[in-house]
Amino acid sequence: SNAASAGNASSATNAQKPDTIQAAAETPAEKQETKDVDFVIVGSGVAGMSAAVEASRAGAKVIVLEKHNVTGGDSSICSGNFYCCGAKKQDELGYTNYGTPEEVAQFFFDQSDGDANMDICRLVAENGGAAMDWLVELGCDFDKKPGDNVSDRSMLSTTSGKGIVDNLIAEAEKNGVEIMMETRAIEVLMDGGKAAGVKARQGKTEYTINAKAVMLASGGFDGQDWAKELYAPGTVGWHTFSSPSNTGDGIELAKQAGALTLLKGGLSQIHLVGRDPLPLNDELSSLRMVNTGVFVTDLGYRCANESMTSQFDYFTPFVESGRKEFTIICDSQQPEKRMELIKKGVEKGVVDTADTIEELAEAAGLPSYPLMKTIERYNELCEAGEDLDFYKDPLWMNAIDPPPFYASKHCSSMTSTRGGLKNDERCRVLDKEGRPIPGLYAAGNTAGSFYGNVYPPNVMGSGIGHGQCFAWLAVWTTSMRTSRRVEVLDVKSKSLATKLCAVLAMVALATALGGCAPSQSSSDAEGGADVTSYPTGSLKAVHIAGQLDDVDEYPNKLCLSCHSRE
C-alpha cells in the first residue's frame, strides 16, 4: 500500500545525518532570487492547500512551498477520514445521527483528556460540515466510513486522502497558485516583529519570498528518527507510516520567530500487527484492537489499560515503558469473527499458540516466568472484579482461561504526531508570552492546540478534518479586509455565538492581506456597505464600517482597531 511504502521509505532513511533547516541554511547558495507575494504557505497537504485555494479565490497571490518531490505529505497517504456534523452530504445520505456541534466539540475535548483548546474544538465542530460541503463543491466525494457501530459523524473520502489533495491542487493551480516543489523553507523573515516572508532553498538557489503573511502547514516530526529524537525521544526506532519529509520544519521555523511550542512527545497510533508490521489495510490489522486480552512488553510484564477508555490509559504506558515490541495475550473465549482472524494470524506467523502460558511464552519468544506471573496476577484481579494495577473497565475483565492461549505480535508505530506550535482559534501562532506573532499562522499537524498529547481513537478523521477546516476558515476573509472593518459571514448558522466564533477565526489573515482586492464587489447604495459575492456561492461577506450588531453579547469580542482581544 502507499502507506506501507511510505513507511518503508522512511525506515530506509532514518539512519541519515540530521537534515535540519539550520544545517540546510549553512550550505552556501550559488544563486539568489526574490519573489513578492501576498501569502506564502509551507506545506502542500490538505491544510496548506485548503488555505491556498481559499486565498487564491479571493484574489491573493499565493506561493506554496513543498520540500518533498511529491505533494500532499501525510494527507496523500491517509485514507481520507473526515469527522464532522451537519454536512449536506451526511444529510443527503441519511447519516443524521451526529448530534449538535456543541456535543461534537465536547467530545473532541473529552477525548483529549481535557488537554485540547476548547475554543478550537468548538470552532472545528461548528464549521466542519461546511468545510466538507466546500470540498464536495471542489469535486471531492464522501460516504460513511464502513464498519460496525461507526458514528454518523465519521465520513470517508471515496478517493482517499490523495483524491482530496489532488482536487485542491487542481483548483489552486487553476487560480494561479505557484507550487514550488523540492523547495524547503529555511527561515521566517521578520520585519519589526511581524512575519514578512520566508527564505527557501531549491537546489543551489536561495529564494527570498516576501509576503504579507506566512502559514506553516508542513506536518509533524515523525518522518525521521533524528526528528523524533528532538521532539519525542521515546519514539526513536518506532516504525512510521508518515512521509519522510515530516521533520518538524514548521516548528523550527516558528521558533526562529519566538513561537511557543506544545511538545509533549505526542503521537498517533501505537502498535501494528507483526514484528515486521502488516499494512494497516490488512484484515489482520484489527487484531491490534482487543479489550479482553492482556498487553505485555517483550519483557513479559503487563503495560497498559487494555479497555482503551482513553488514549492516556492505553498509549502513555507504552511510551513510558521504553519498549518497542508488544504482545497481546488472550484465550480461546473470543468472539467468532475474532477467532477466525486469530487462526489466520497463526497461519501467517503473526500469532503464536500453545496449551499453557509457559509454552506460549517459549513460542512467542517471551521470558516465561514474568509472563506466567503476569497472567496469574491478571486472573486474580479478574476474580476480584477490580483492576488495581491499570484500572481496566470491569466490563472487559475476563480471566485468561481456558486454553488454547494465543499471543499476537505487535510493534510500536506512528502515523502522525501530536503537539506543535501554540496557536489561537484564528490560527495565529503565539509567542512565549501568549501573544499572537503578527503575520504568522499554523494549521494541520504543525499546529498543536487542537489535540492534547494523543490522537483520539474514537475520533478517526478529526486529523484531516480539523486541518482542512481550520486552514480554510483562517483564510475565509483573506482578501476581504479593509482598515477598521469587520466581516459578517453567513455560515448558515442559527446561532449568533456560532456566527461570531466563525467571524473571529475567519479574520485570521485579514490584517496581513488587507491590500488584496476581492473577487467581485458591488455597492449597497442604501446601506453604504460593500457587498462581496464570494466565489464559492455558499458564503456572503458584508463589510460594515464600525461596530458589529450585538457583538457585545459575545464575551471575547474583537477590537476593530488592532484585532486584539478586549
Protein backbone atom coordinates (compact mmCIF):
# COMPACT_ATOMS: atom_id res chain seq x y z
CA SER A 1 0.00 0.00 0.00
CA ASN A 2 1.01 3.64 -0.29
CA ALA A 3 1.17 3.90 3.48
CA ALA A 4 3.38 0.85 3.79
CA SER A 5 5.73 2.01 1.06
CA ALA A 6 5.94 5.42 2.70
CA GLY A 7 6.81 3.76 5.98
CA ASN A 8 9.48 1.61 4.34
CA ALA A 9 10.94 4.64 2.61
CA SER A 10 11.04 6.42 5.94
CA SER A 11 12.73 3.49 7.65
CA ALA A 12 15.37 3.37 4.92
CA THR A 13 16.31 6.99 5.53
CA ASN A 14 16.11 7.02 9.30
CA ALA A 15 19.86 6.45 9.64
CA GLN A 16 20.71 9.60 7.71
CA LYS A 17 22.53 12.53 9.28
CA PRO A 18 20.14 15.08 10.81
CA ASP A 19 18.98 17.31 7.97
CA THR A 20 17.66 20.25 9.99
CA ILE A 21 16.71 23.59 8.49
CA GLN A 22 19.71 25.04 10.30
CA ALA A 23 22.02 22.58 8.53
CA ALA A 24 20.39 23.39 5.20
CA ALA A 25 20.85 27.12 5.78
CA GLU A 26 24.55 26.67 6.47
CA THR A 27 25.17 25.33 2.97
CA PRO A 28 26.13 28.33 0.78
CA ALA A 29 23.74 29.10 -2.08
CA GLU A 30 25.10 29.73 -5.57
CA LYS A 31 22.20 31.83 -6.80
CA GLN A 32 19.78 34.33 -5.24
CA GLU A 33 16.25 35.12 -6.41
CA THR A 34 13.41 37.20 -5.00
CA LYS A 35 9.64 36.77 -5.25
CA ASP A 36 6.89 39.06 -3.93
CA VAL A 37 3.51 37.58 -3.00
CA ASP A 38 0.62 38.16 -0.64
CA PHE A 39 0.71 34.79 1.06
CA VAL A 40 3.36 32.07 1.33
CA ILE A 41 2.38 28.63 2.63
CA VAL A 42 4.88 26.00 3.79
CA GLY A 43 3.45 22.54 3.07
CA SER A 44 1.14 21.10 0.39
CA GLY A 45 -1.09 18.83 2.45
CA VAL A 46 -4.81 19.27 2.95
CA ALA A 47 -4.35 22.15 5.42
CA GLY A 48 -1.88 24.11 3.30
CA MET A 49 -3.70 23.56 0.02
CA SER A 50 -7.09 24.47 1.54
CA ALA A 51 -5.60 27.79 2.61
CA ALA A 52 -4.01 28.25 -0.83
CA VAL A 53 -7.30 27.61 -2.65
CA GLU A 54 -9.35 29.95 -0.50
CA ALA A 55 -6.79 32.76 -0.56
CA SER A 56 -6.30 32.50 -4.33
CA ARG A 57 -10.06 32.50 -4.92
CA ALA A 58 -10.20 35.76 -3.04
CA GLY A 59 -7.58 37.34 -5.28
CA ALA A 60 -4.40 36.81 -3.28
CA LYS A 61 -1.12 35.96 -4.96
CA VAL A 62 -0.03 32.71 -3.33
CA ILE A 63 3.08 30.52 -3.31
CA VAL A 64 3.13 27.04 -1.74
CA LEU A 65 6.49 25.52 -0.81
CA GLU A 66 6.81 21.72 -0.77
CA LYS A 67 10.20 20.34 0.20
CA HIS A 68 9.43 16.79 -0.97
CA ASN A 69 9.27 15.62 -4.61
CA VAL A 70 5.61 14.67 -4.21
CA THR A 71 2.72 16.76 -2.95
CA GLY A 72 0.39 16.09 -0.08
CA GLY A 73 2.57 14.86 2.74
CA ASP A 74 0.64 12.60 5.12
CA SER A 75 -2.64 13.76 3.58
CA SER A 76 -1.79 11.86 0.40
CA ILE A 77 -1.14 8.56 2.15
CA CYS A 78 -4.06 8.59 4.57
CA SER A 79 -7.46 7.03 3.95
CA GLY A 80 -9.28 10.36 3.96
CA ASN A 81 -11.45 10.07 7.07
CA PHE A 82 -13.39 13.23 7.87
CA TYR A 83 -15.11 13.67 11.24
CA CYS A 84 -17.85 16.30 11.25
CA CYS A 85 -21.53 17.06 11.66
CA GLY A 86 -24.11 18.90 9.60
CA ALA A 87 -22.61 18.43 6.14
CA LYS A 88 -25.02 18.36 3.21
CA LYS A 89 -23.51 15.01 2.16
CA GLN A 90 -24.36 13.47 5.52
CA ASP A 91 -27.92 14.73 5.30
CA GLU A 92 -28.35 13.56 1.69
CA LEU A 93 -27.18 10.04 2.59
CA GLY A 94 -29.31 9.90 5.72
CA TYR A 95 -26.44 9.96 8.21
CA THR A 96 -28.05 12.49 10.52
CA ASN A 97 -27.50 10.98 13.96
CA TYR A 98 -24.47 13.16 14.53
CA GLY A 99 -25.71 15.31 17.40
CA THR A 100 -25.11 19.03 17.84
CA PRO A 101 -21.88 20.97 17.23
CA GLU A 102 -21.61 21.57 20.96
CA GLU A 103 -21.80 17.83 21.61
CA VAL A 104 -19.12 17.20 18.98
CA ALA A 105 -16.90 19.91 20.47
CA GLN A 106 -17.29 18.45 23.93
CA PHE A 107 -16.46 15.00 22.55
CA PHE A 108 -13.27 16.36 20.96
CA PHE A 109 -12.31 17.95 24.26
CA ASP A 110 -13.12 14.89 26.37
CA GLN A 111 -11.17 12.60 24.04
CA SER A 112 -8.08 14.76 24.56
CA ASP A 113 -8.40 14.23 28.32
CA GLY A 114 -9.14 17.92 28.71
CA ASP A 115 -5.82 18.95 27.20
CA ALA A 116 -7.16 20.49 23.98
CA ASN A 117 -8.19 24.08 23.31
CA MET A 118 -11.99 24.14 23.75
CA ASP A 119 -12.40 27.26 21.60
CA ILE A 120 -10.70 25.45 18.72
CA CYS A 121 -12.67 22.25 19.36
CA ARG A 122 -15.87 24.27 19.17
CA LEU A 123 -14.74 26.12 16.06
CA VAL A 124 -13.99 22.91 14.17
CA ALA A 125 -17.19 21.23 15.36
CA GLU A 126 -19.34 24.18 14.28
CA ASN A 127 -17.77 24.55 10.86
CA GLY A 128 -16.65 21.02 9.93
CA GLY A 129 -19.83 20.29 7.99
CA ALA A 130 -19.49 23.46 5.92
CA ALA A 131 -15.83 22.57 5.30
CA MET A 132 -16.90 19.20 3.88
CA ASP A 133 -19.52 20.94 1.72
CA TRP A 134 -16.71 23.11 0.36
CA LEU A 135 -14.62 20.05 -0.53
CA VAL A 136 -17.60 18.42 -2.25
CA GLU A 137 -18.06 21.60 -4.28
CA LEU A 138 -14.45 21.15 -5.43
CA GLY A 139 -15.21 17.63 -6.70
CA CYS A 140 -14.42 15.51 -3.63
CA ASP A 141 -16.89 12.84 -2.57
CA PHE A 142 -17.56 11.15 0.76
CA ASP A 143 -19.55 8.26 2.19
CA LYS A 144 -19.91 6.95 5.70
CA LYS A 145 -16.92 5.05 6.98
CA PRO A 146 -17.70 1.31 6.76
CA GLY A 147 -17.81 -0.93 9.80
CA ASP A 148 -19.96 -1.86 12.75
CA ASN A 149 -21.09 0.81 15.21
CA VAL A 150 -19.48 3.61 13.19
CA SER A 151 -20.71 7.08 14.14
CA ASP A 152 -22.64 9.09 11.57
CA ARG A 153 -20.00 11.77 12.16
CA SER A 154 -17.28 9.63 10.58
CA MET A 155 -17.14 10.08 6.82
CA LEU A 156 -14.59 8.69 4.37
CA SER A 157 -13.31 10.09 1.09
CA THR A 158 -14.21 7.82 -1.81
CA THR A 159 -10.83 8.63 -3.37
CA SER A 160 -8.72 8.55 -0.17
CA GLY A 161 -6.69 11.47 1.13
CA LYS A 162 -4.77 11.69 -2.14
CA GLY A 163 -8.01 12.36 -4.00
CA ILE A 164 -8.74 15.31 -1.72
CA VAL A 165 -5.23 16.71 -2.21
CA ASP A 166 -5.41 16.28 -5.99
CA ASN A 167 -8.68 18.23 -6.16
CA LEU A 168 -7.25 21.02 -4.02
CA ILE A 169 -4.09 21.25 -6.12
CA ALA A 170 -6.09 21.36 -9.37
CA GLU A 171 -8.22 24.22 -8.05
CA ALA A 172 -5.22 26.08 -6.67
CA GLU A 173 -3.28 25.88 -9.93
CA LYS A 174 -6.37 26.98 -11.85
CA ASN A 175 -6.42 30.08 -9.65
CA GLY A 176 -2.76 30.83 -10.32
CA VAL A 177 -1.17 29.43 -7.18
CA GLU A 178 2.53 28.66 -7.70
CA ILE A 179 3.62 25.36 -6.13
CA MET A 180 7.39 25.16 -5.78
CA MET A 181 8.45 21.53 -5.44
CA GLU A 182 11.62 20.35 -3.68
CA THR A 183 11.79 23.79 -2.11
CA ARG A 184 12.46 23.99 1.59
CA ALA A 185 11.76 26.97 3.79
CA ILE A 186 14.78 27.63 5.99
CA GLU A 187 13.90 30.90 7.70
CA VAL A 188 10.91 33.06 8.54
CA LEU A 189 11.68 36.66 7.63
CA MET A 190 10.71 39.15 10.32
CA ASP A 191 10.20 42.89 9.92
CA GLY A 192 9.51 44.91 13.03
CA GLY A 193 8.20 41.89 14.90
CA LYS A 194 5.94 40.79 12.04
CA ALA A 195 6.38 37.78 9.75
CA ALA A 196 7.20 39.20 6.34
CA GLY A 197 8.00 36.14 4.24
CA VAL A 198 10.46 33.26 4.16
CA LYS A 199 13.83 32.27 2.81
CA ALA A 200 13.81 28.96 0.95
CA ARG A 201 16.22 26.66 -0.84
CA GLN A 202 15.59 24.87 -4.12
CA GLY A 203 18.74 23.02 -5.07
CA LYS A 204 21.54 25.59 -5.03
CA THR A 205 19.21 28.56 -5.40
CA GLU A 206 18.09 30.59 -2.39
CA TYR A 207 14.76 32.38 -2.69
CA THR A 208 13.72 35.38 -0.66
CA ILE A 209 9.94 35.30 -0.75
CA ASN A 210 8.45 38.50 0.58
CA ALA A 211 4.86 38.08 1.76
CA LYS A 212 2.20 39.79 3.82
CA ALA A 213 1.53 36.58 5.73
CA VAL A 214 3.11 33.17 6.32
CA MET A 215 1.28 29.93 7.07
CA LEU A 216 3.19 26.92 8.40
CA ALA A 217 1.44 23.67 7.47
CA SER A 218 4.38 21.34 6.98
CA GLY A 219 3.17 18.38 9.05
CA GLY A 220 4.63 16.76 12.12
CA PHE A 221 8.01 15.35 13.10
CA ASP A 222 7.82 11.57 12.76
CA GLY A 223 9.37 11.07 9.33
CA GLN A 224 12.95 10.58 10.53
CA ASP A 225 14.48 9.23 13.73
CA TRP A 226 16.65 12.31 14.19
CA ALA A 227 13.49 14.45 14.25
CA LYS A 228 11.83 12.12 16.76
CA GLU A 229 14.93 12.46 18.91
CA LEU A 230 14.37 16.22 19.00
CA TYR A 231 10.66 16.23 19.79
CA ALA A 232 9.63 12.77 21.09
CA PRO A 233 12.71 10.80 22.15
CA GLY A 234 10.68 7.85 23.42
CA THR A 235 9.58 7.03 19.87
CA VAL A 236 13.03 6.71 18.30
CA GLY A 237 13.21 3.42 16.42
CA TRP A 238 9.46 3.10 16.06
CA HIS A 239 8.00 2.22 12.71
CA THR A 240 6.30 5.14 10.95
CA PHE A 241 3.81 5.41 8.12
CA SER A 242 4.34 9.13 7.72
CA SER A 243 6.04 10.98 4.90
CA PRO A 244 9.84 11.04 5.30
CA SER A 245 9.64 14.81 4.84
CA ASN A 246 7.90 15.22 8.23
CA THR A 247 10.85 16.53 10.23
CA GLY A 248 9.39 19.37 12.28
CA ASP A 249 10.43 22.15 9.91
CA GLY A 250 7.39 24.27 10.74
CA ILE A 251 8.18 24.07 14.43
CA GLU A 252 11.79 25.15 13.92
CA LEU A 253 10.79 27.96 11.55
CA ALA A 254 8.33 29.38 14.07
CA LYS A 255 10.81 29.07 16.93
CA GLN A 256 13.04 31.45 14.98
CA ALA A 257 10.24 33.98 15.33
CA GLY A 258 9.94 33.38 19.07
CA ALA A 259 6.97 30.99 18.96
CA LEU A 260 5.71 29.00 21.92
CA THR A 261 5.66 25.23 21.39
CA LEU A 262 3.48 22.48 22.82
CA LEU A 263 5.69 19.42 22.61
CA LYS A 264 4.93 16.50 24.91
CA GLY A 265 6.10 13.58 22.81
CA GLY A 266 2.63 13.22 21.32
CA LEU A 267 1.78 10.61 18.72
CA SER A 268 -0.94 8.87 16.81
CA GLN A 269 -1.28 5.07 16.63
CA ILE A 270 0.82 2.94 18.86
CA HIS A 271 1.15 -0.58 17.51
CA LEU A 272 0.75 -2.75 14.44
CA VAL A 273 0.40 -6.46 13.89
CA GLY A 274 3.67 -8.31 13.39
CA ARG A 275 7.25 -7.54 14.26
CA ASP A 276 7.69 -6.68 10.59
CA PRO A 277 4.34 -4.90 10.53
CA LEU A 278 1.48 -5.71 8.22
CA PRO A 279 -0.11 -2.83 6.30
CA LEU A 280 -2.94 -1.07 8.09
CA ASN A 281 -5.38 -2.22 5.41
CA ASP A 282 -4.57 -5.91 6.02
CA GLU A 283 -7.58 -7.72 7.53
CA LEU A 284 -5.38 -8.95 10.37
CA SER A 285 -4.64 -5.38 11.37
CA SER A 286 -7.75 -5.42 13.57
CA LEU A 287 -6.00 -7.91 15.86
CA ARG A 288 -4.32 -4.94 17.48
CA MET A 289 -7.65 -3.74 18.89
CA VAL A 290 -8.76 -6.05 21.68
CA ASN A 291 -10.27 -5.31 25.07
CA THR A 292 -10.34 -8.75 26.65
CA GLY A 293 -6.66 -9.67 26.38
CA VAL A 294 -3.55 -8.65 28.29
CA PHE A 295 -0.94 -6.33 26.80
CA VAL A 296 2.64 -7.20 27.73
CA THR A 297 6.00 -5.83 26.68
CA ASP A 298 8.79 -8.01 25.31
CA LEU A 299 9.85 -8.43 28.93
CA GLY A 300 6.64 -10.26 29.73
CA TYR A 301 5.12 -7.62 32.01
CA ARG A 302 1.71 -6.01 31.60
CA CYS A 303 1.93 -2.40 30.46
CA ALA A 304 -1.49 -0.83 29.76
CA ASN A 305 -5.19 -0.48 30.40
CA GLU A 306 -6.49 -2.67 27.59
CA SER A 307 -10.05 -1.27 27.75
CA MET A 308 -8.83 1.90 25.98
CA THR A 309 -11.28 4.20 27.73
CA SER A 310 -8.80 6.96 26.99
CA GLN A 311 -5.66 7.30 24.96
CA PHE A 312 -3.68 8.12 28.07
CA ASP A 313 -4.75 4.84 29.65
CA TYR A 314 -3.75 2.99 26.52
CA PHE A 315 -0.80 4.76 24.88
CA THR A 316 1.15 6.55 27.59
CA PRO A 317 2.25 3.35 29.39
CA PHE A 318 3.66 2.05 26.11
CA VAL A 319 5.75 5.18 25.68
CA GLU A 320 6.81 5.21 29.31
CA SER A 321 7.82 1.55 29.19
CA GLY A 322 10.55 2.41 26.70
CA ARG A 323 9.87 -0.88 24.88
CA LYS A 324 9.24 -1.19 21.14
CA GLU A 325 7.69 -4.65 20.85
CA PHE A 326 4.46 -5.79 22.45
CA THR A 327 2.30 -8.89 22.63
CA ILE A 328 -1.41 -9.33 23.30
CA ILE A 329 -2.21 -12.49 25.26
CA CYS A 330 -5.72 -13.91 25.03
CA ASP A 331 -7.55 -17.23 25.43
CA SER A 332 -9.90 -19.20 23.21
CA GLN A 333 -13.04 -17.47 24.54
CA GLN A 334 -13.17 -14.82 21.82
CA PRO A 335 -15.99 -13.73 19.50
CA GLU A 336 -16.33 -15.91 16.42
CA LYS A 337 -15.07 -13.31 13.93
CA ARG A 338 -12.05 -12.57 16.09
CA MET A 339 -11.20 -16.24 16.45
CA GLU A 340 -11.25 -16.57 12.68
CA LEU A 341 -8.72 -13.74 12.43
CA ILE A 342 -6.58 -15.22 15.22
CA LYS A 343 -6.42 -18.54 13.38
CA LYS A 344 -5.45 -16.75 10.17
CA GLY A 345 -2.78 -14.94 12.18
CA VAL A 346 -1.39 -18.29 13.32
CA GLU A 347 -1.19 -19.40 9.69
CA LYS A 348 0.50 -16.13 8.70
CA GLY A 349 3.04 -16.29 11.54
CA VAL A 350 1.94 -13.19 13.45
CA VAL A 351 0.14 -15.15 16.20
CA ASP A 352 1.60 -17.94 18.35
CA THR A 353 -0.47 -20.52 20.19
CA ALA A 354 0.04 -23.10 22.98
CA ASP A 355 -1.88 -25.02 25.63
CA THR A 356 -0.05 -23.49 28.61
CA ILE A 357 1.23 -19.99 29.34
CA GLU A 358 4.75 -21.36 29.84
CA GLU A 359 4.68 -22.98 26.40
CA LEU A 360 3.13 -19.83 24.90
CA ALA A 361 5.99 -17.75 26.29
CA GLU A 362 8.52 -20.03 24.62
CA ALA A 363 6.62 -19.95 21.31
CA ALA A 364 6.32 -16.14 21.38
CA GLY A 365 9.91 -15.53 22.48
CA LEU A 366 8.89 -14.06 25.84
CA PRO A 367 10.50 -14.78 29.23
CA SER A 368 8.34 -17.49 30.77
CA TYR A 369 8.45 -16.65 34.48
CA PRO A 370 7.45 -12.94 34.16
CA LEU A 371 4.66 -13.85 31.72
CA MET A 372 3.33 -16.61 33.97
CA LYS A 373 3.29 -14.27 36.98
CA THR A 374 1.67 -11.52 34.89
CA ILE A 375 -1.20 -13.75 33.79
CA GLU A 376 -1.56 -15.16 37.29
CA ARG A 377 -1.85 -11.63 38.70
CA TYR A 378 -4.29 -10.57 35.98
CA ASN A 379 -6.56 -13.55 36.63
CA GLU A 380 -6.59 -12.71 40.35
CA LEU A 381 -7.68 -9.15 39.53
CA CYS A 382 -10.41 -10.52 37.26
CA GLU A 383 -11.68 -12.74 40.06
CA ALA A 384 -11.73 -9.77 42.42
CA GLY A 385 -13.57 -7.70 39.82
CA GLU A 386 -11.24 -4.70 40.08
CA ASP A 387 -8.06 -3.80 38.23
CA LEU A 388 -5.83 -2.26 40.87
CA ASP A 389 -2.86 -2.12 38.51
CA PHE A 390 -4.15 -0.30 35.41
CA TYR A 391 -7.82 0.36 36.24
CA LYS A 392 -9.25 -1.54 33.31
CA ASP A 393 -13.01 -1.31 32.86
CA PRO A 394 -14.52 -4.26 34.81
CA LEU A 395 -16.71 -4.96 31.77
CA TRP A 396 -13.61 -6.29 29.99
CA MET A 397 -12.03 -8.06 32.95
CA ASN A 398 -12.14 -11.70 31.87
CA ALA A 399 -9.62 -14.23 33.13
CA ILE A 400 -7.19 -15.66 30.58
CA ASP A 401 -8.64 -19.17 30.53
CA PRO A 402 -9.36 -21.75 29.08
CA PRO A 403 -6.66 -22.86 26.62
CA PRO A 404 -5.51 -22.85 23.97
CA PHE A 405 -3.83 -19.49 24.52
CA TYR A 406 -2.76 -17.04 21.85
CA ALA A 407 -0.08 -14.37 21.59
CA SER A 408 -0.37 -11.81 18.78
CA LYS A 409 2.84 -9.96 17.98
CA HIS A 410 2.94 -6.18 17.66
CA CYS A 411 5.42 -3.38 17.21
CA SER A 412 5.30 0.31 18.08
CA SER A 413 4.27 2.56 15.26
CA MET A 414 3.32 6.13 14.45
CA THR A 415 1.03 7.55 11.79
CA SER A 416 1.34 11.20 12.83
CA THR A 417 2.40 13.37 15.73
CA ARG A 418 0.62 15.49 18.30
CA GLY A 419 1.90 18.73 19.68
CA GLY A 420 3.47 21.59 17.78
CA LEU A 421 3.02 25.34 17.79
CA LYS A 422 0.77 27.06 20.27
CA ASN A 423 -1.92 28.85 18.29
CA ASP A 424 -5.24 30.53 18.98
CA GLU A 425 -8.64 29.96 17.38
CA ARG A 426 -7.67 32.18 14.45
CA CYS A 427 -4.63 30.09 13.52
CA ARG A 428 -2.29 32.77 14.81
CA VAL A 429 0.97 31.44 16.20
CA LEU A 430 1.55 32.67 19.74
CA ASP A 431 4.84 33.81 21.23
CA LYS A 432 6.26 32.77 24.59
CA GLU A 433 4.16 35.43 26.30
CA GLY A 434 1.00 34.05 24.73
CA ARG A 435 0.65 36.95 22.28
CA PRO A 436 -0.01 36.49 18.54
CA ILE A 437 3.01 36.89 16.28
CA PRO A 438 1.69 39.23 13.56
CA GLY A 439 1.54 37.65 10.12
CA LEU A 440 2.42 34.11 11.27
CA TYR A 441 -0.12 31.28 11.17
CA ALA A 442 -0.12 27.50 11.60
CA ALA A 443 -2.53 24.71 10.63
CA GLY A 444 -2.68 20.93 10.40
CA ASN A 445 -0.24 18.85 12.41
CA THR A 446 2.15 21.79 12.68
CA ALA A 447 -0.35 23.46 14.98
CA GLY A 448 -0.53 21.96 18.43
CA SER A 449 -3.61 23.42 20.08
CA PHE A 450 -6.44 21.20 18.85
CA TYR A 451 -5.48 17.85 20.35
CA GLY A 452 -3.86 17.07 23.59
CA ASN A 453 -0.96 14.67 23.60
CA VAL A 454 -2.60 11.94 21.54
CA TYR A 455 -4.88 11.18 18.60
CA PRO A 456 -8.25 10.06 19.96
CA PRO A 457 -9.04 6.53 18.72
CA ASN A 458 -12.77 7.26 18.74
CA VAL A 459 -12.43 10.33 16.50
CA MET A 460 -10.84 8.87 13.39
CA GLY A 461 -10.88 11.59 10.74
CA SER A 462 -10.52 14.53 13.07
CA GLY A 463 -6.91 14.96 11.93
CA ILE A 464 -7.53 15.67 8.26
CA GLY A 465 -10.86 17.25 9.16
CA HIS A 466 -9.52 19.81 11.60
CA GLY A 467 -6.52 20.60 9.40
CA GLN A 468 -8.66 21.36 6.35
CA CYS A 469 -11.40 23.13 8.28
CA PHE A 470 -9.10 25.31 10.34
CA ALA A 471 -6.88 26.43 7.47
CA TRP A 472 -9.95 27.06 5.30
CA LEU A 473 -11.61 29.19 7.97
CA ALA A 474 -8.41 31.11 8.56
CA VAL A 475 -8.35 32.40 5.01
CA TRP A 476 -12.08 32.94 4.52
CA THR A 477 -11.57 36.70 4.72
CA THR A 478 -8.02 36.80 3.38
CA SER A 479 -8.68 39.48 0.77
CA MET A 480 -11.86 40.97 2.16
CA ARG A 481 -10.43 43.08 4.94
CA THR A 482 -10.23 46.85 4.95
CA SER A 483 -8.96 49.13 7.69
CA ARG A 484 -11.11 49.14 10.85
CA ARG A 485 -13.80 46.90 9.32
CA VAL A 486 -15.11 43.52 10.31
CA GLU A 487 -16.98 40.97 8.23
CA VAL A 488 -20.34 39.36 8.97
CA LEU A 489 -20.38 35.95 7.31
CA ASP A 490 -23.50 33.94 6.62
CA VAL A 491 -22.31 30.44 7.52
CA LYS A 492 -25.83 29.00 7.65
CA SER A 493 -25.73 29.14 11.43
CA LYS A 494 -28.78 29.74 13.57
CA SER A 495 -26.64 30.77 16.49
CA LEU A 496 -25.19 34.25 16.95
CA ALA A 497 -22.40 32.76 19.06
CA THR A 498 -21.56 30.30 16.31
CA LYS A 499 -21.53 33.05 13.71
CA LEU A 500 -19.30 35.29 15.79
CA CYS A 501 -16.97 32.40 16.62
CA ALA A 502 -16.59 31.80 12.90
CA VAL A 503 -16.01 35.53 12.32
CA LEU A 504 -13.17 35.56 14.83
CA ALA A 505 -11.49 32.69 13.02
CA MET A 506 -12.17 33.98 9.55
CA VAL A 507 -10.33 37.25 10.09
CA ALA A 508 -7.14 35.29 10.74
CA LEU A 509 -5.17 36.66 7.81
CA ALA A 510 -7.24 39.79 7.29
CA THR A 511 -4.81 42.40 8.54
CA ALA A 512 -1.81 40.96 6.76
CA LEU A 513 -3.59 40.57 3.44
CA GLY A 514 -5.79 43.65 3.58
CA GLY A 515 -4.32 45.05 0.40
CA CYS A 516 -5.73 42.32 -1.86
CA ALA A 517 -8.78 43.04 -3.97
CA PRO A 518 -11.91 40.92 -3.52
CA SER A 519 -13.04 38.82 -6.45
CA GLN A 520 -16.24 40.80 -7.03
CA SER A 521 -17.72 43.81 -5.27
CA SER A 522 -20.80 45.94 -5.57
CA SER A 523 -22.03 48.92 -3.59
CA ASP A 524 -25.11 48.78 -1.44
CA ALA A 525 -26.31 52.29 -2.16
CA GLU A 526 -28.93 52.29 0.56
CA GLY A 527 -26.83 50.97 3.39
CA GLY A 528 -23.45 52.25 2.30
CA ALA A 529 -21.85 48.82 2.76
CA ASP A 530 -19.61 46.93 0.35
CA VAL A 531 -21.13 43.58 -0.54
CA THR A 532 -18.73 40.91 -1.76
CA SER A 533 -20.05 37.98 -3.80
CA TYR A 534 -17.91 35.12 -2.61
CA PRO A 535 -16.81 32.65 -5.32
CA THR A 536 -17.93 29.51 -3.52
CA GLY A 537 -21.55 30.53 -3.89
CA SER A 538 -22.31 29.40 -0.33
CA LEU A 539 -20.98 32.35 1.64
CA LYS A 540 -21.79 36.04 1.79
CA ALA A 541 -19.39 38.60 3.18
CA VAL A 542 -20.65 42.06 4.08
CA HIS A 543 -18.14 44.71 5.11
CA ILE A 544 -19.62 47.02 7.69
CA ALA A 545 -17.74 50.14 8.77
CA GLY A 546 -17.99 50.41 12.54
CA GLN A 547 -19.31 48.03 15.17
CA LEU A 548 -20.87 44.61 14.59
CA ASP A 549 -24.50 44.33 15.66
CA ASP A 550 -24.89 42.54 19.00
CA VAL A 551 -21.15 42.00 19.29
CA ASP A 552 -21.35 42.89 22.99
CA GLU A 553 -23.19 39.61 23.55
CA TYR A 554 -20.03 37.74 22.65
CA PRO A 555 -17.65 37.53 25.64
CA ASN A 556 -14.46 37.63 23.60
CA LYS A 557 -15.09 40.41 21.11
CA LEU A 558 -12.59 41.75 18.65
CA CYS A 559 -11.06 45.21 18.85
CA LEU A 560 -11.65 46.70 15.41
CA SER A 561 -8.55 48.87 15.57
CA CYS A 562 -5.87 46.32 16.37
CA HIS A 563 -7.67 42.96 16.08
CA SER A 564 -6.73 42.14 19.65
CA ARG A 565 -8.90 40.90 22.47
CA GLU A 566 -10.60 43.46 24.72
